[in-house]
Protein backbone atom coordinates (compact mmCIF):
# COMPACT_ATOMS: atom_id res chain seq x y z
CA MET A 1 85.74 105.48 107.02
CA SER A 2 88.27 105.38 109.86
CA ALA A 3 89.26 108.54 111.72
CA PRO A 4 92.40 110.28 110.42
CA ILE A 5 95.71 109.61 112.12
CA VAL A 6 96.46 113.35 112.07
CA LEU A 7 93.94 116.18 111.82
CA ALA A 8 95.01 119.84 111.89
CA ARG A 9 92.68 122.79 111.48
CA GLY A 10 93.95 126.37 111.49
CA LEU A 11 97.12 125.20 113.24
CA THR A 12 99.51 127.95 114.30
CA LYS A 13 102.82 128.04 116.13
CA ALA A 14 104.73 131.13 117.28
CA PHE A 15 108.10 131.41 119.00
CA ASP A 16 109.36 134.26 121.14
CA GLY A 17 111.15 136.71 118.89
CA GLY A 18 111.68 139.50 121.39
CA ARG A 19 109.45 142.44 120.52
CA GLU A 20 107.36 140.43 118.06
CA PRO A 21 106.54 136.71 117.93
CA VAL A 22 108.03 134.66 115.11
CA TRP A 23 105.29 132.69 113.37
CA ALA A 24 106.46 129.30 112.14
CA LEU A 25 102.97 128.04 111.22
CA ARG A 26 100.20 130.34 110.08
CA GLY A 27 96.99 128.34 109.86
CA VAL A 28 97.81 124.85 108.60
CA ASP A 29 94.99 122.52 107.57
CA LEU A 30 96.07 118.91 107.13
CA GLU A 31 94.50 115.47 107.31
CA VAL A 32 96.56 112.27 107.20
CA GLY A 33 94.96 108.87 106.90
CA ALA A 34 96.20 105.47 108.01
CA GLY A 35 98.98 103.94 105.92
CA GLU A 36 100.02 107.12 104.11
CA PHE A 37 103.59 107.71 102.93
CA LEU A 38 103.70 111.49 102.96
CA ALA A 39 106.51 113.99 102.36
CA LEU A 40 106.50 117.51 103.78
CA VAL A 41 108.55 119.73 101.46
CA GLY A 42 109.34 123.42 101.17
CA PRO A 43 112.21 125.88 101.60
CA SER A 44 114.15 126.24 104.85
CA GLY A 45 112.04 128.12 107.39
CA SER A 46 108.75 127.06 105.82
CA GLY A 47 107.62 125.23 108.97
CA LYS A 48 108.28 121.58 108.09
CA THR A 49 110.19 120.61 111.22
CA THR A 50 107.87 122.67 113.43
CA LEU A 51 104.85 120.83 112.04
CA LEU A 52 106.58 117.48 112.49
CA ASN A 53 107.41 118.35 116.11
CA LEU A 54 103.79 119.29 116.82
CA VAL A 55 102.46 116.09 115.25
CA GLY A 56 105.00 114.14 117.30
CA ALA A 57 103.81 115.79 120.54
CA LEU A 58 107.29 117.22 121.11
CA ASP A 59 105.71 120.68 121.32
CA THR A 60 102.25 122.22 121.63
CA PRO A 61 100.50 124.56 119.18
CA THR A 62 99.89 128.25 119.77
CA GLY A 63 96.44 128.12 118.20
CA GLY A 64 94.09 126.08 116.05
CA GLU A 65 93.35 122.40 116.54
CA LEU A 66 95.60 119.36 116.31
CA THR A 67 94.45 115.80 116.92
CA VAL A 68 96.94 112.93 116.68
CA LEU A 69 95.66 109.38 117.07
CA GLY A 70 92.50 110.75 118.63
CA GLN A 71 94.36 112.86 121.19
CA HIS A 72 94.01 116.65 121.32
CA ILE A 73 97.65 117.66 121.65
CA ALA A 74 97.07 121.06 123.25
CA SER A 75 95.05 119.55 126.09
CA LEU A 76 97.53 116.82 127.00
CA SER A 77 99.82 117.07 130.02
CA LYS A 78 103.56 116.60 129.54
CA MET A 79 103.21 113.08 130.94
CA ALA A 80 100.37 112.25 128.56
CA ARG A 81 102.33 113.57 125.58
CA ALA A 82 105.33 111.48 126.64
CA HIS A 83 103.10 108.40 126.87
CA LEU A 84 101.73 109.06 123.37
CA ARG A 85 105.25 109.42 121.95
CA LEU A 86 106.57 106.33 123.69
CA HIS A 87 103.76 103.97 122.78
CA SER A 88 102.34 105.17 119.46
CA ILE A 89 104.90 107.27 117.56
CA GLY A 90 108.31 106.32 116.20
CA PHE A 91 110.95 108.95 115.43
CA VAL A 92 113.79 108.85 112.91
CA PHE A 93 116.20 111.76 113.35
CA GLN A 94 118.72 113.20 110.90
CA ALA A 95 121.48 112.87 113.54
CA TYR A 96 120.52 109.22 114.36
CA ASN A 97 120.59 109.90 118.16
CA LEU A 98 121.90 106.43 118.92
CA VAL A 99 123.79 105.52 122.12
CA PRO A 100 127.29 104.85 120.76
CA VAL A 101 128.46 102.56 123.59
CA LEU A 102 125.50 100.22 123.07
CA THR A 103 125.18 97.61 120.36
CA ALA A 104 122.64 97.91 117.58
CA ARG A 105 120.44 95.38 119.36
CA GLU A 106 120.74 97.17 122.69
CA ASN A 107 119.74 100.50 121.10
CA VAL A 108 116.58 98.92 119.72
CA GLU A 109 115.90 96.88 122.84
CA PHE A 110 116.22 99.92 125.11
CA VAL A 111 113.04 101.49 123.69
CA LEU A 112 111.15 98.22 124.09
CA GLU A 113 112.30 98.09 127.70
CA LEU A 114 111.01 101.62 128.30
CA GLN A 115 107.65 100.49 126.95
CA GLY A 116 107.53 97.69 129.49
CA MET A 117 108.10 94.78 127.14
CA GLY A 118 109.53 91.81 129.00
CA ALA A 119 109.97 88.36 127.52
CA GLY A 120 110.69 88.44 123.81
CA ARG A 121 112.28 91.88 123.86
CA ARG A 122 115.65 90.64 122.61
CA ASP A 123 114.11 88.46 119.91
CA ARG A 124 111.96 91.37 118.71
CA ALA A 125 115.02 93.64 118.46
CA ARG A 126 117.01 91.03 116.55
CA GLY A 127 114.06 90.34 114.25
CA VAL A 128 113.58 93.99 113.31
CA LEU A 129 117.31 94.44 112.68
CA ALA A 130 117.24 91.36 110.44
CA GLU A 131 114.29 92.86 108.52
CA LEU A 132 116.45 95.88 107.80
CA GLY A 133 119.43 93.83 106.68
CA LEU A 134 121.42 94.22 109.91
CA GLY A 135 121.04 90.75 111.39
CA ASP A 136 124.79 90.07 111.22
CA LEU A 137 125.59 93.42 112.90
CA ALA A 138 123.16 93.23 115.83
CA ASP A 139 125.95 92.81 118.38
CA ARG A 140 128.20 95.51 116.91
CA ARG A 141 128.44 98.84 118.73
CA THR A 142 126.81 101.57 116.69
CA ASN A 143 129.96 103.73 116.67
CA GLU A 144 131.56 100.92 114.64
CA LEU A 145 128.89 101.07 111.92
CA SER A 146 128.74 103.14 108.75
CA GLY A 147 126.37 106.09 108.43
CA GLY A 148 123.90 104.08 106.38
CA GLN A 149 123.97 101.24 108.88
CA GLN A 150 123.47 103.63 111.80
CA GLN A 151 120.45 105.18 110.10
CA ARG A 152 118.95 101.73 109.59
CA VAL A 153 119.47 101.01 113.31
CA ALA A 154 117.62 104.28 114.00
CA VAL A 155 114.76 103.09 111.80
CA ALA A 156 114.74 99.70 113.55
CA ARG A 157 114.49 101.47 116.91
CA ALA A 158 111.63 103.64 115.61
CA VAL A 159 109.54 100.75 114.27
CA ALA A 160 110.38 97.94 116.72
CA SER A 161 107.23 98.47 118.77
CA ARG A 162 105.08 98.64 115.60
CA PRO A 163 103.96 102.25 116.19
CA THR A 164 100.95 103.57 114.34
CA LEU A 165 102.83 106.65 113.15
CA VAL A 166 106.49 107.13 112.16
CA LEU A 167 107.94 110.64 111.79
CA ALA A 168 111.25 111.16 109.99
CA ASP A 169 113.05 114.52 109.91
CA GLU A 170 115.46 114.68 106.94
CA PRO A 171 116.21 110.93 107.24
CA THR A 172 118.55 110.79 104.22
CA ALA A 173 120.46 114.05 104.77
CA ASN A 174 123.69 112.27 105.77
CA LEU A 175 123.43 109.36 103.33
CA ASP A 176 124.86 108.79 99.86
CA GLY A 177 122.59 107.93 96.94
CA GLU A 178 122.73 104.15 97.32
CA ASN A 179 122.09 104.19 101.06
CA ALA A 180 119.27 106.74 100.67
CA GLU A 181 117.52 104.54 98.11
CA THR A 182 117.99 101.45 100.29
CA LEU A 183 116.54 103.24 103.32
CA MET A 184 113.48 104.52 101.46
CA HIS A 185 112.72 101.09 99.98
CA LEU A 186 113.02 99.54 103.44
CA MET A 187 110.61 102.06 104.94
CA ARG A 188 108.10 101.61 102.13
CA ASP A 189 108.29 97.86 102.71
CA LEU A 190 107.63 98.38 106.44
CA ARG A 191 104.60 100.52 105.57
CA ASP A 192 103.28 97.88 103.19
CA ARG A 193 103.76 94.94 105.56
CA HIS A 194 102.82 96.52 108.88
CA GLY A 195 100.39 99.29 107.90
CA MET A 196 102.38 102.07 109.56
CA THR A 197 101.85 105.69 108.56
CA PHE A 198 105.01 107.61 107.58
CA ILE A 199 105.45 111.39 107.45
CA PHE A 200 108.78 112.81 106.27
CA SER A 201 110.21 116.30 106.45
CA THR A 202 112.69 116.60 103.59
CA HIS A 203 114.57 118.65 101.03
CA ASP A 204 115.78 115.47 99.33
CA PRO A 205 114.32 114.63 95.89
CA ARG A 206 115.28 111.00 96.56
CA VAL A 207 112.77 110.92 99.42
CA VAL A 208 110.13 112.84 97.48
CA ALA A 209 110.35 110.32 94.64
CA HIS A 210 109.12 107.57 96.99
CA ALA A 211 106.22 109.49 98.54
CA VAL A 212 102.60 108.89 97.56
CA ARG A 213 101.56 112.37 98.70
CA ILE A 214 103.45 115.66 98.69
CA VAL A 215 102.48 118.52 101.02
CA THR A 216 104.33 121.76 100.26
CA LEU A 217 104.74 124.38 102.96
CA VAL A 218 105.63 128.00 102.21
CA ASP A 219 105.87 130.65 104.93
CA GLY A 220 104.09 128.42 107.44
CA ARG A 221 101.13 127.64 105.20
CA VAL A 222 100.17 124.69 102.98
CA SER A 223 100.60 125.91 99.40
CA LYS A 224 100.08 122.52 97.68
CA ASP A 225 98.75 119.12 98.69
CA GLU A 226 98.99 116.61 95.88
CA PRO A 227 98.93 112.83 95.42
CA GLN A 228 101.82 111.25 93.56
CA VAL A 229 102.64 107.97 91.90
CA PRO A 230 106.09 107.06 93.29
CA THR A 231 108.80 107.20 90.65
CA SER A 232 111.33 105.06 92.54
């Protein structure tokens, strides 16, 4: 059996709250295997985004153990964490975080350039955009695109380098029902064809319906961890 993509044991995270620390995670145990399509759910303040940020090496834990793609996050330097994020993890943000003065292709290509990809970079960007139904809009500036189209560009940027792990924080929060369904089907298709592992943080039942595993967080702890047959 292959090693897990993510392995957390007794994971904790506290933030400075003045007199007393504010505990966002209180001993999380979690194991995520290759190719999973997992949704983190729970009420606001339950620790979903904090856990996603730790897994994405955007922050470091206060205590416990966290291994992502064989790397012990707490022991990595800032440079090493940046390298892990750039080369192995794709991010899809609720706010898209696209560069509005660049075209869709240029937004995707920029990440490939940061990774050092030379020849073929433009073709790769165009190919990924075409996969996501944006081939005809590759040369359109992103501030000229609809919200659903911008979110698909954000997904294209996240997956263009074929990362092992893709993390999505509330990816459908700004989308209507049709666009949310389209996006989730596209990401499931990417998982099926390229073997990527997806972890979502979400309140959206439309996202949950597509997941094959649901992990529920309450007060910084895992309260449920259940498999699911997707209903969408």
